[in-house]
């Protein structure tokens, strides 16, 4: 009886130890090679797709840079041409006036009478003024106008009794306005109050 009990106890102890050893073992889950490959392949495809997208964007950026540089060069050339030929229309409109001057000079060299030459010169002058007017150049009114420092330049003041003080008496050189901008003020002589008589000056001093 005692031997049987001891044997049973040893067997139970052995079974308990075996079961504990089994429970202490780490069981690693089995991985299917096909599933592992299927997980890696999508990651590689995504990386390749991103690389392709980056390359596409880099190429697009290079094209945009090239287009921008071409646009800058074109605008620079257009701006340069605009500056070089800014007065082309004005020069073209003055060519007929130049032709008139040449004809007037030829006529003056052959003329026996001054009157036709004078009439021809007046005609040339009128055509010249008309050509300038077509480009928004107009003379500034000056004579008998109140002095305006924004459009007039006083070169002299003279005493005057028949015009109010500060009136333009005489125009020395015409002034001109291009559109709304004064490109040359009119040079004028302006009236001022007459100087008092000498006896009034002496009375004032006393």
N, C-alpha and C. Protein backbone atom coordinates (compact mmCIF):
# COMPACT_ATOMS: atom_id res chain seq x y z
N UNK A 1 0.83 -1.20 0.00
CA UNK A 1 0.00 0.00 0.00
C UNK A 1 0.86 1.24 0.00
N UNK A 2 1.89 1.28 0.83
CA UNK A 2 2.76 2.45 0.91
C UNK A 2 3.50 2.66 -0.40
N UNK A 3 3.97 1.56 -1.00
CA UNK A 3 4.69 1.68 -2.28
C UNK A 3 3.80 2.21 -3.37
N UNK A 4 2.55 1.73 -3.37
CA UNK A 4 1.61 2.20 -4.41
C UNK A 4 1.32 3.67 -4.25
N UNK A 5 1.19 4.13 -3.06
CA UNK A 5 0.90 5.56 -2.81
C UNK A 5 2.06 6.41 -3.23
N UNK A 6 3.31 5.96 -2.91
CA UNK A 6 4.50 6.72 -3.32
C UNK A 6 4.60 6.80 -4.82
N UNK A 7 4.32 5.66 -5.51
CA UNK A 7 4.40 5.67 -6.98
C UNK A 7 3.40 6.65 -7.56
N UNK A 8 2.20 6.63 -7.01
CA UNK A 8 1.17 7.57 -7.53
C UNK A 8 1.56 9.02 -7.30
N UNK A 9 2.17 9.28 -6.15
CA UNK A 9 2.59 10.66 -5.84
C UNK A 9 3.66 11.12 -6.80
N UNK A 10 4.66 10.22 -7.09
CA UNK A 10 5.73 10.56 -8.04
C UNK A 10 5.17 10.83 -9.42
N UNK A 11 4.21 9.99 -9.82
CA UNK A 11 3.64 10.17 -11.16
C UNK A 11 2.87 11.49 -11.24
N UNK A 12 2.14 11.81 -10.16
CA UNK A 12 1.40 13.07 -10.16
C UNK A 12 2.35 14.26 -10.21
N UNK A 13 3.44 14.17 -9.45
CA UNK A 13 4.43 15.26 -9.44
C UNK A 13 5.03 15.44 -10.83
N UNK A 14 5.36 14.28 -11.49
CA UNK A 14 5.94 14.33 -12.83
C UNK A 14 4.96 14.95 -13.82
N UNK A 15 3.70 14.58 -13.72
CA UNK A 15 2.69 15.12 -14.63
C UNK A 15 2.50 16.63 -14.44
N UNK A 16 2.55 17.04 -13.16
CA UNK A 16 2.40 18.48 -12.87
C UNK A 16 3.56 19.26 -13.44
N UNK A 17 4.77 18.70 -13.29
CA UNK A 17 5.97 19.37 -13.83
C UNK A 17 5.91 19.44 -15.34
N UNK A 18 5.44 18.34 -15.94
CA UNK A 18 5.36 18.34 -17.41
C UNK A 18 4.35 19.35 -17.91
N UNK A 19 3.21 19.41 -17.19
CA UNK A 19 2.19 20.37 -17.64
C UNK A 19 2.66 21.79 -17.46
N UNK A 20 3.44 22.04 -16.36
CA UNK A 20 3.99 23.39 -16.15
C UNK A 20 4.99 23.76 -17.21
N UNK A 21 5.81 22.79 -17.60
CA UNK A 21 6.81 23.05 -18.65
C UNK A 21 6.13 23.36 -19.96
N UNK A 22 5.03 22.62 -20.19
CA UNK A 22 4.30 22.87 -21.44
C UNK A 22 3.69 24.24 -21.45
N UNK A 23 3.15 24.64 -20.27
CA UNK A 23 2.51 25.97 -20.19
C UNK A 23 3.52 27.08 -20.29
N UNK A 24 4.80 26.82 -19.83
CA UNK A 24 5.83 27.86 -19.88
C UNK A 24 6.39 28.03 -21.28
N UNK A 25 6.18 27.09 -22.15
CA UNK A 25 6.72 27.20 -23.52
C UNK A 25 5.99 28.32 -24.28
N UNK A 26 6.75 29.11 -25.07
CA UNK A 26 6.18 30.19 -25.89
C UNK A 26 5.75 29.61 -27.21
N UNK A 27 4.49 29.78 -27.47
CA UNK A 27 3.95 29.24 -28.71
C UNK A 27 3.94 30.34 -29.77
N UNK A 28 4.72 30.20 -30.78
CA UNK A 28 4.80 31.18 -31.86
C UNK A 28 3.73 30.89 -32.90
N UNK A 29 2.97 31.92 -33.27
CA UNK A 29 1.93 31.68 -34.29
C UNK A 29 2.55 31.37 -35.63
N UNK A 30 1.95 30.52 -36.33
CA UNK A 30 2.46 30.14 -37.64
C UNK A 30 2.07 31.21 -38.66
N UNK A 31 2.99 31.60 -39.53
CA UNK A 31 2.77 32.64 -40.55
C UNK A 31 2.81 31.98 -41.90
N UNK A 32 1.78 32.27 -42.65
CA UNK A 32 1.69 31.73 -44.00
C UNK A 32 2.59 32.54 -44.92
N UNK A 33 3.55 31.95 -45.60
CA UNK A 33 4.45 32.69 -46.50
C UNK A 33 3.69 33.49 -47.55
N UNK A 34 2.58 33.00 -48.00
CA UNK A 34 1.81 33.72 -49.03
C UNK A 34 1.24 35.01 -48.45
N UNK A 35 0.75 34.91 -47.15
CA UNK A 35 0.21 36.12 -46.53
C UNK A 35 1.30 37.16 -46.31
N UNK A 36 2.51 36.73 -45.90
CA UNK A 36 3.63 37.65 -45.69
C UNK A 36 4.02 38.33 -46.99
N UNK A 37 4.06 37.62 -48.08
CA UNK A 37 4.41 38.19 -49.38
C UNK A 37 3.35 39.18 -49.82
N UNK A 38 2.06 38.83 -49.56
CA UNK A 38 0.99 39.74 -49.97
C UNK A 38 1.04 41.05 -49.19
N UNK A 39 1.57 41.04 -47.96
CA UNK A 39 1.69 42.25 -47.15
C UNK A 39 2.84 43.13 -47.63
N UNK A 40 3.94 42.56 -48.07
CA UNK A 40 5.12 43.29 -48.54
C UNK A 40 4.88 43.92 -49.91
N UNK A 41 4.21 43.16 -50.78
CA UNK A 41 4.02 43.66 -52.15
C UNK A 41 3.25 44.97 -52.21
N UNK A 42 2.11 45.17 -51.49
CA UNK A 42 1.42 46.45 -51.54
C UNK A 42 2.28 47.60 -51.04
N UNK A 43 3.12 47.36 -50.01
CA UNK A 43 4.00 48.41 -49.51
C UNK A 43 4.99 48.84 -50.59
N UNK A 44 5.55 47.88 -51.31
CA UNK A 44 6.49 48.20 -52.39
C UNK A 44 5.78 48.95 -53.51
N UNK A 45 4.54 48.54 -53.82
CA UNK A 45 3.79 49.23 -54.86
C UNK A 45 3.49 50.68 -54.47
N UNK A 46 3.14 50.91 -53.20
CA UNK A 46 2.88 52.27 -52.72
C UNK A 46 4.14 53.13 -52.81
N UNK A 47 5.28 52.59 -52.44
CA UNK A 47 6.55 53.32 -52.51
C UNK A 47 6.89 53.68 -53.95
N UNK A 48 6.71 52.73 -54.86
CA UNK A 48 6.97 53.00 -56.28
C UNK A 48 6.03 54.07 -56.80
N UNK A 49 4.77 54.02 -56.37
CA UNK A 49 3.80 55.02 -56.80
C UNK A 49 4.19 56.41 -56.31
N UNK A 50 4.64 56.50 -55.06
CA UNK A 50 5.06 57.79 -54.52
C UNK A 50 6.29 58.33 -55.25
N UNK A 51 7.22 57.43 -55.55
CA UNK A 51 8.40 57.86 -56.30
C UNK A 51 8.03 58.39 -57.68
N UNK A 52 7.10 57.71 -58.33
CA UNK A 52 6.65 58.16 -59.65
C UNK A 52 5.95 59.51 -59.58
N UNK A 53 5.15 59.68 -58.53
CA UNK A 53 4.45 60.95 -58.36
C UNK A 53 5.43 62.10 -58.10
N UNK A 54 6.45 61.83 -57.29
CA UNK A 54 7.48 62.85 -57.02
C UNK A 54 8.21 63.23 -58.29
N UNK A 55 8.56 62.24 -59.08
CA UNK A 55 9.26 62.51 -60.35
C UNK A 55 8.38 63.32 -61.29
N UNK A 56 7.09 62.99 -61.30
CA UNK A 56 6.14 63.73 -62.15
C UNK A 56 6.05 65.19 -61.71
N UNK A 57 5.99 65.42 -60.41
CA UNK A 57 5.91 66.79 -59.90
C UNK A 57 7.20 67.56 -60.17
N UNK A 58 8.34 66.89 -60.05
CA UNK A 58 9.62 67.55 -60.35
C UNK A 58 9.70 67.96 -61.81
N UNK A 59 9.24 67.08 -62.70
CA UNK A 59 9.24 67.42 -64.13
C UNK A 59 8.30 68.59 -64.42
N UNK A 60 7.15 68.57 -63.76
CA UNK A 60 6.19 69.67 -63.95
C UNK A 60 6.78 70.99 -63.46
N UNK A 61 7.48 70.94 -62.32
CA UNK A 61 8.12 72.15 -61.78
C UNK A 61 9.18 72.68 -62.73
N UNK A 62 9.94 71.81 -63.32
CA UNK A 62 10.96 72.23 -64.29
C UNK A 62 10.32 72.90 -65.50
N UNK A 63 9.21 72.33 -65.98
CA UNK A 63 8.51 72.92 -67.12
C UNK A 63 7.96 74.30 -66.77
N UNK A 64 7.40 74.41 -65.54
CA UNK A 64 6.86 75.71 -65.12
C UNK A 64 7.97 76.75 -65.01
N UNK A 65 9.12 76.35 -64.50
CA UNK A 65 10.25 77.27 -64.41
C UNK A 65 10.70 77.73 -65.80
N UNK A 66 10.76 76.80 -66.73
CA UNK A 66 11.16 77.14 -68.09
C UNK A 66 10.15 78.09 -68.73
N UNK A 67 8.85 77.82 -68.54
CA UNK A 67 7.82 78.71 -69.09
C UNK A 67 7.90 80.10 -68.48
N UNK A 68 8.16 80.16 -67.17
CA UNK A 68 8.26 81.46 -66.49
C UNK A 68 9.46 82.24 -67.01
N UNK A 69 10.59 81.54 -67.20
CA UNK A 69 11.78 82.22 -67.73
C UNK A 69 11.53 82.74 -69.15
N UNK A 70 10.84 81.96 -69.97
CA UNK A 70 10.51 82.40 -71.32
C UNK A 70 9.59 83.61 -71.30
N UNK A 71 8.61 83.58 -70.40
CA UNK A 71 7.69 84.72 -70.28
C UNK A 71 8.43 85.98 -69.86
N UNK A 72 9.36 85.84 -68.91
CA UNK A 72 10.14 87.00 -68.47
C UNK A 72 10.96 87.58 -69.62
N UNK A 73 11.58 86.71 -70.40
CA UNK A 73 12.38 87.19 -71.54
C UNK A 73 11.49 87.89 -72.58
N UNK A 74 10.31 87.31 -72.83
CA UNK A 74 9.40 87.92 -73.81
C UNK A 74 8.93 89.30 -73.34
N UNK A 75 8.56 89.40 -72.05
CA UNK A 75 8.11 90.68 -71.52
C UNK A 75 9.24 91.72 -71.53
N UNK A 76 10.46 91.26 -71.25
CA UNK A 76 11.60 92.18 -71.28
C UNK A 76 11.83 92.71 -72.69
N UNK A 77 11.71 91.83 -73.68
CA UNK A 77 11.89 92.26 -75.07
C UNK A 77 10.78 93.23 -75.49
N UNK A 78 9.54 92.92 -75.08
CA UNK A 78 8.42 93.81 -75.42
C UNK A 78 8.59 95.17 -74.75
N UNK A 79 9.06 95.18 -73.50
CA UNK A 79 9.26 96.44 -72.80
C UNK A 79 10.38 97.25 -73.47
N UNK A 80 11.43 96.55 -73.87
CA UNK A 80 12.53 97.23 -74.55
C UNK A 80 12.06 97.84 -75.87
N UNK A 81 11.27 97.06 -76.63
CA UNK A 81 10.75 97.58 -77.91
C UNK A 81 9.81 98.76 -77.68
N UNK A 82 9.00 98.66 -76.61
CA UNK A 82 8.07 99.76 -76.32
C UNK A 82 8.81 101.05 -76.02
N UNK A 83 9.95 100.94 -75.32
CA UNK A 83 10.74 102.13 -75.01
C UNK A 83 11.43 102.65 -76.27
N UNK A 84 11.96 101.75 -77.06
CA UNK A 84 12.70 102.16 -78.27
C UNK A 84 11.78 102.83 -79.29
N UNK A 85 10.55 102.31 -79.41
CA UNK A 85 9.65 102.81 -80.45
C UNK A 85 8.46 103.57 -79.87
N UNK A 86 8.65 104.13 -78.66
CA UNK A 86 7.56 104.85 -78.00
C UNK A 86 7.07 106.03 -78.83
N UNK A 87 7.99 106.67 -79.55
CA UNK A 87 7.65 107.87 -80.33
C UNK A 87 7.43 107.58 -81.81
N UNK A 88 7.26 106.31 -82.14
CA UNK A 88 7.12 105.95 -83.56
C UNK A 88 5.91 106.62 -84.19
N UNK A 89 4.77 106.60 -83.50
CA UNK A 89 3.56 107.21 -84.07
C UNK A 89 3.72 108.72 -84.22
N UNK A 90 4.36 109.35 -83.24
CA UNK A 90 4.58 110.80 -83.33
C UNK A 90 5.49 111.13 -84.51
N UNK A 91 6.57 110.38 -84.64
CA UNK A 91 7.49 110.64 -85.75
C UNK A 91 6.81 110.43 -87.10
N UNK A 92 5.97 109.41 -87.16
CA UNK A 92 5.26 109.14 -88.41
C UNK A 92 4.32 110.28 -88.77
N UNK A 93 3.65 110.86 -87.74
CA UNK A 93 2.73 111.97 -88.01
C UNK A 93 3.47 113.24 -88.40
N UNK A 94 4.75 113.35 -88.00
CA UNK A 94 5.52 114.57 -88.33
C UNK A 94 6.19 114.49 -89.70
N UNK A 95 6.22 113.32 -90.29
CA UNK A 95 6.88 113.19 -91.60
C UNK A 95 6.21 114.05 -92.67
N UNK A 96 4.87 114.12 -92.75
CA UNK A 96 4.27 115.03 -93.74
C UNK A 96 4.66 116.49 -93.51
N UNK A 97 4.81 116.88 -92.24
CA UNK A 97 5.25 118.25 -91.94
C UNK A 97 6.66 118.47 -92.45
N UNK A 98 7.50 117.48 -92.28
CA UNK A 98 8.87 117.57 -92.79
C UNK A 98 8.85 117.71 -94.31
N UNK A 99 7.97 116.95 -94.96
CA UNK A 99 7.84 117.09 -96.41
C UNK A 99 7.43 118.50 -96.79
N UNK A 100 6.49 119.08 -96.03
CA UNK A 100 6.04 120.45 -96.31
C UNK A 100 7.18 121.45 -96.16
N UNK A 101 7.98 121.25 -95.13
CA UNK A 101 9.13 122.14 -94.93
C UNK A 101 10.10 122.07 -96.11
N UNK A 102 10.35 120.88 -96.58
CA UNK A 102 11.27 120.73 -97.72
C UNK A 102 10.72 121.41 -98.96
N UNK A 103 9.41 121.24 -99.19
CA UNK A 103 8.80 121.91 -100.36
C UNK A 103 8.81 123.43 -100.19
N UNK A 104 8.58 123.88 -98.93
CA UNK A 104 8.60 125.33 -98.70
C UNK A 104 9.98 125.92 -98.95
N UNK A 105 11.01 125.20 -98.54
CA UNK A 105 12.39 125.67 -98.77
C UNK A 105 12.69 125.73 -100.27
N UNK A 106 12.26 124.72 -101.01
CA UNK A 106 12.49 124.72 -102.46
C UNK A 106 11.74 125.87 -103.13
N UNK A 107 10.49 126.09 -102.66
CA UNK A 107 9.70 127.19 -103.25
C UNK A 107 10.31 128.54 -102.91
N UNK A 108 10.82 128.69 -101.68
CA UNK A 108 11.41 129.96 -101.27
C UNK A 108 12.66 130.27 -102.08
N UNK A 109 13.39 129.23 -102.44
CA UNK A 109 14.62 129.45 -103.21
C UNK A 109 14.31 129.95 -104.63
N UNK A 110 13.12 129.64 -105.16
CA UNK A 110 12.77 130.03 -106.53
C UNK A 110 11.81 131.23 -106.57
N UNK A 111 11.27 131.59 -105.40
CA UNK A 111 10.20 132.61 -105.40
C UNK A 111 10.76 134.00 -105.62
N UNK A 112 10.01 134.78 -106.39
CA UNK A 112 10.32 136.20 -106.59
C UNK A 112 9.50 137.07 -105.64
N UNK A 113 8.41 136.49 -105.13
CA UNK A 113 7.50 137.22 -104.25
C UNK A 113 7.49 136.54 -102.87
N UNK A 114 7.51 137.32 -101.83
CA UNK A 114 7.56 136.78 -100.47
C UNK A 114 6.21 136.24 -100.03
N UNK A 115 5.12 136.77 -100.57
CA UNK A 115 3.79 136.41 -100.10
C UNK A 115 3.51 134.91 -100.23
N UNK A 116 3.77 134.29 -101.35
CA UNK A 116 3.53 132.84 -101.45
C UNK A 116 4.36 132.04 -100.44
N UNK A 117 5.59 132.49 -100.22
CA UNK A 117 6.44 131.80 -99.24
C UNK A 117 5.85 131.90 -97.85
N UNK A 118 5.35 133.10 -97.51
CA UNK A 118 4.73 133.30 -96.21
C UNK A 118 3.50 132.42 -96.04
N UNK A 119 2.68 132.34 -97.07
CA UNK A 119 1.48 131.50 -97.00
C UNK A 119 1.86 130.03 -96.85
N UNK A 120 2.87 129.63 -97.57
CA UNK A 120 3.32 128.24 -97.46
C UNK A 120 3.87 127.92 -96.07
N UNK A 121 4.58 128.90 -95.51
CA UNK A 121 5.12 128.69 -94.16
C UNK A 121 4.00 128.58 -93.13
N UNK A 122 2.98 129.43 -93.28
CA UNK A 122 1.83 129.35 -92.38
C UNK A 122 1.15 127.99 -92.48
N UNK A 123 1.02 127.49 -93.69
CA UNK A 123 0.39 126.18 -93.88
C UNK A 123 1.19 125.08 -93.20
N UNK A 124 2.52 125.17 -93.32
CA UNK A 124 3.37 124.17 -92.66
C UNK A 124 3.20 124.24 -91.15
N UNK A 125 3.14 125.46 -90.63
CA UNK A 125 2.96 125.65 -89.18
C UNK A 125 1.63 125.05 -88.72
N UNK A 126 0.58 125.30 -89.46
CA UNK A 126 -0.74 124.77 -89.08
C UNK A 126 -0.75 123.24 -89.10
N UNK A 127 -0.11 122.66 -90.10
CA UNK A 127 -0.03 121.20 -90.16
C UNK A 127 0.78 120.63 -88.99
N UNK A 128 1.81 121.37 -88.62
CA UNK A 128 2.65 120.94 -87.51
C UNK A 128 1.86 120.95 -86.20
N UNK A 129 1.13 122.04 -85.97
CA UNK A 129 0.32 122.14 -84.76
C UNK A 129 -0.76 121.06 -84.74
N UNK A 130 -1.33 120.80 -85.89
CA UNK A 130 -2.36 119.76 -85.97
C UNK A 130 -1.79 118.39 -85.64
N UNK A 131 -0.60 118.11 -86.16
CA UNK A 131 0.05 116.82 -85.88
C UNK A 131 0.33 116.66 -84.39
N UNK A 132 0.79 117.72 -83.75
CA UNK A 132 1.06 117.65 -82.31
C UNK A 132 -0.25 117.51 -81.53
N UNK A 133 -1.30 118.21 -81.98
CA UNK A 133 -2.59 118.11 -81.31
C UNK A 133 -3.17 116.71 -81.37
N UNK A 134 -2.89 116.01 -82.45
CA UNK A 134 -3.38 114.63 -82.57
C UNK A 134 -2.74 113.71 -81.53
N UNK A 135 -1.64 114.15 -80.94
CA UNK A 135 -0.96 113.39 -79.89
C UNK A 135 -1.15 114.06 -78.53
N UNK A 136 -2.27 114.79 -78.39
CA UNK A 136 -2.70 115.37 -77.11
C UNK A 136 -1.77 116.47 -76.59
N UNK A 137 -1.05 117.12 -77.50
CA UNK A 137 -0.25 118.27 -77.10
C UNK A 137 -1.06 119.53 -77.42
N UNK A 138 -1.20 120.38 -76.44
CA UNK A 138 -1.96 121.60 -76.64
C UNK A 138 -1.26 122.77 -75.96
N UNK A 139 -1.36 123.98 -76.55
CA UNK A 139 -0.73 125.15 -75.94
C UNK A 139 -1.49 125.60 -74.70
N UNK A 140 -0.77 126.22 -73.79
CA UNK A 140 -1.37 126.73 -72.55
C UNK A 140 -1.75 128.19 -72.77
N UNK A 141 -2.96 128.51 -72.42
CA UNK A 141 -3.40 129.90 -72.54
C UNK A 141 -2.64 130.76 -71.54
N UNK A 142 -2.21 131.92 -72.01
CA UNK A 142 -1.40 132.76 -71.14
C UNK A 142 -1.81 134.23 -71.19
N UNK A 143 -1.77 134.84 -72.35
CA UNK A 143 -1.98 136.29 -72.45
C UNK A 143 -3.36 136.68 -71.95
N UNK A 144 -3.38 137.72 -71.10
CA UNK A 144 -4.60 138.27 -70.49
C UNK A 144 -5.23 137.33 -69.47
N UNK A 145 -4.57 136.24 -69.17
CA UNK A 145 -5.08 135.32 -68.16
C UNK A 145 -4.48 135.68 -66.80
N UNK A 146 -5.18 135.38 -65.71
CA UNK A 146 -4.57 135.55 -64.39
C UNK A 146 -3.34 134.66 -64.25
N UNK A 147 -2.31 135.20 -63.64
CA UNK A 147 -1.08 134.42 -63.49
C UNK A 147 -1.34 133.18 -62.64
N UNK A 148 -0.93 132.02 -63.17
CA UNK A 148 -1.11 130.74 -62.50
C UNK A 148 0.25 130.05 -62.42
N UNK A 149 0.84 129.98 -61.24
CA UNK A 149 2.20 129.41 -61.13
C UNK A 149 2.28 127.94 -61.53
N UNK A 150 1.15 127.26 -61.63
CA UNK A 150 1.19 125.85 -62.03
C UNK A 150 1.39 125.69 -63.54
N UNK A 151 1.07 126.75 -64.31
CA UNK A 151 1.23 126.65 -65.77
C UNK A 151 2.01 127.82 -66.35
N UNK A 152 2.30 128.83 -65.54
CA UNK A 152 3.03 130.01 -66.02
C UNK A 152 4.33 130.17 -65.25
N UNK A 153 5.31 130.70 -65.92
CA UNK A 153 6.59 131.03 -65.29
C UNK A 153 6.87 132.52 -65.54
N UNK A 154 6.86 133.29 -64.48
CA UNK A 154 7.07 134.75 -64.61
C UNK A 154 8.55 135.04 -64.81
N UNK A 155 8.85 135.71 -65.90
CA UNK A 155 10.24 136.12 -66.15
C UNK A 155 10.44 137.60 -65.82
N UNK A 156 9.32 138.31 -65.67
CA UNK A 156 9.42 139.75 -65.41
C UNK A 156 8.07 140.27 -64.91
N UNK A 157 8.13 141.29 -64.07
CA UNK A 157 6.92 141.99 -63.64
C UNK A 157 7.02 143.46 -64.08
N UNK A 158 5.95 143.96 -64.63
CA UNK A 158 5.93 145.34 -65.11
C UNK A 158 4.72 146.06 -64.52
N UNK A 159 4.91 147.35 -64.16
CA UNK A 159 3.77 148.13 -63.71
C UNK A 159 2.75 148.28 -64.83
N UNK A 160 1.49 148.23 -64.47
CA UNK A 160 0.43 148.30 -65.47
C UNK A 160 -0.79 148.97 -64.85
N UNK A 161 -1.42 149.85 -65.64
CA UNK A 161 -2.61 150.55 -65.15
C UNK A 161 -3.90 150.07 -65.80
N UNK A 162 -3.77 149.42 -66.96
CA UNK A 162 -4.99 149.02 -67.68
C UNK A 162 -5.36 147.55 -67.45
N UNK A 163 -4.59 146.84 -66.63
CA UNK A 163 -4.93 145.45 -66.31
C UNK A 163 -4.76 145.22 -64.82
N UNK A 164 -5.55 144.31 -64.26
CA UNK A 164 -5.42 144.03 -62.82
C UNK A 164 -4.03 143.48 -62.50
N UNK A 165 -3.62 143.72 -61.29
CA UNK A 165 -2.32 143.20 -60.85
C UNK A 165 -2.35 141.67 -60.89
N UNK A 166 -1.25 141.09 -61.34
CA UNK A 166 -1.16 139.62 -61.43
C UNK A 166 -1.74 139.05 -62.71
N UNK A 167 -1.84 139.89 -63.74
CA UNK A 167 -2.35 139.43 -65.03
C UNK A 167 -1.19 139.26 -66.01
N UNK A 168 -1.27 138.23 -66.84
CA UNK A 168 -0.23 138.00 -67.85
C UNK A 168 -0.38 139.07 -68.93
N UNK A 169 0.66 139.90 -69.05
CA UNK A 169 0.64 140.98 -70.04
C UNK A 169 1.15 140.51 -71.40
N UNK A 170 2.16 139.67 -71.33
CA UNK A 170 2.80 139.25 -72.58
C UNK A 170 3.35 137.84 -72.43
N UNK A 171 3.31 137.12 -73.51
CA UNK A 171 3.84 135.76 -73.54
C UNK A 171 5.18 135.76 -74.24
N UNK A 172 6.22 135.43 -73.51
CA UNK A 172 7.58 135.41 -74.07
C UNK A 172 7.82 134.10 -74.82
N UNK A 173 7.38 132.98 -74.25
CA UNK A 173 7.51 131.67 -74.90
C UNK A 173 6.29 130.83 -74.55
N UNK A 174 5.73 130.19 -75.56
CA UNK A 174 4.53 129.40 -75.34
C UNK A 174 4.79 128.22 -74.39
N UNK A 175 3.79 127.92 -73.61
CA UNK A 175 3.84 126.72 -72.78
C UNK A 175 2.95 125.64 -73.39
N UNK A 176 3.26 124.39 -73.05
CA UNK A 176 2.51 123.28 -73.63
C UNK A 176 2.16 122.25 -72.56
N UNK A 177 1.01 121.63 -72.78
CA UNK A 177 0.50 120.59 -71.89
C UNK A 177 0.28 119.32 -72.71
N UNK A 178 0.80 118.21 -72.20
CA UNK A 178 0.58 116.92 -72.85
C UNK A 178 -0.43 116.16 -72.03
N UNK A 179 -1.64 115.99 -72.62
CA UNK A 179 -2.78 115.45 -71.87
C UNK A 179 -3.01 116.35 -70.66
N UNK A 180 -2.84 115.80 -69.45
CA UNK A 180 -3.07 116.62 -68.25
C UNK A 180 -1.77 117.07 -67.60
N UNK A 181 -0.64 116.85 -68.24
CA UNK A 181 0.65 117.18 -67.63
C UNK A 181 1.30 118.36 -68.35
N UNK A 182 1.75 119.33 -67.55
CA UNK A 182 2.47 120.46 -68.12
C UNK A 182 3.90 120.02 -68.40
N UNK A 183 4.28 120.06 -69.68
CA UNK A 183 5.64 119.66 -70.03
C UNK A 183 6.55 120.89 -70.19
N UNK A 184 5.93 122.06 -70.36
CA UNK A 184 6.70 123.30 -70.34
C UNK A 184 5.77 124.45 -69.98
N UNK A 185 6.03 125.14 -68.87
CA UNK A 185 5.18 126.28 -68.52
C UNK A 185 5.41 127.45 -69.47
N UNK A 186 4.41 128.26 -69.64
CA UNK A 186 4.54 129.44 -70.49
C UNK A 186 5.38 130.50 -69.77
N UNK A 187 6.35 131.05 -70.46
CA UNK A 187 7.18 132.13 -69.91
C UNK A 187 6.45 133.45 -70.19
N UNK A 188 6.18 134.19 -69.13
CA UNK A 188 5.30 135.35 -69.28
C UNK A 188 5.84 136.57 -68.52
N UNK A 189 5.29 137.71 -68.92
CA UNK A 189 5.50 138.97 -68.19
C UNK A 189 4.20 139.29 -67.46
N UNK A 190 4.30 139.56 -66.17
CA UNK A 190 3.12 139.72 -65.33
C UNK A 190 2.99 141.19 -64.89
N UNK A 191 1.74 141.64 -64.84
CA UNK A 191 1.49 143.01 -64.41
C UNK A 191 1.59 143.15 -62.90
N UNK A 192 1.94 144.34 -62.48
CA UNK A 192 1.93 144.66 -61.06
C UNK A 192 1.40 146.08 -60.89
N UNK A 193 1.10 146.44 -59.69
CA UNK A 193 0.56 147.79 -59.43
C UNK A 193 1.60 148.84 -59.79
N UNK A 194 1.15 149.97 -60.35
CA UNK A 194 2.11 151.02 -60.71
C UNK A 194 2.84 151.55 -59.48
N UNK A 195 4.06 151.97 -59.71
CA UNK A 195 4.81 152.58 -58.62
C UNK A 195 4.18 153.92 -58.26
N UNK A 196 4.11 154.26 -57.00
CA UNK A 196 3.53 155.55 -56.60
C UNK A 196 4.39 156.71 -57.10
N UNK A 197 3.78 157.87 -57.38
CA UNK A 197 4.56 159.04 -57.80
C UNK A 197 5.61 159.40 -56.76
N UNK A 198 6.64 160.10 -57.22
CA UNK A 198 7.75 160.43 -56.35
C UNK A 198 7.32 161.29 -55.19
N UNK A 199 6.38 162.26 -55.42
CA UNK A 199 5.95 163.13 -54.32
C UNK A 199 5.16 162.35 -53.27
N UNK A 200 4.43 161.31 -53.68
CA UNK A 200 3.71 160.49 -52.73
C UNK A 200 4.68 159.69 -51.88
N UNK A 201 5.79 159.27 -52.51
CA UNK A 201 6.79 158.53 -51.77
C UNK A 201 7.39 159.41 -50.67
N UNK A 202 7.68 160.69 -51.03
CA UNK A 202 8.26 161.59 -50.05
C UNK A 202 7.29 161.87 -48.93
N UNK A 203 5.98 162.02 -49.27
CA UNK A 203 4.97 162.26 -48.24
C UNK A 203 4.88 161.06 -47.29
N UNK A 204 4.98 159.89 -47.88
CA UNK A 204 4.89 158.67 -47.06
C UNK A 204 6.07 158.58 -46.10
N UNK A 205 7.26 158.99 -46.60
CA UNK A 205 8.44 158.93 -45.75
C UNK A 205 8.32 159.91 -44.59
N UNK A 206 7.76 161.13 -44.87
CA UNK A 206 7.61 162.10 -43.82
C UNK A 206 6.61 161.63 -42.79
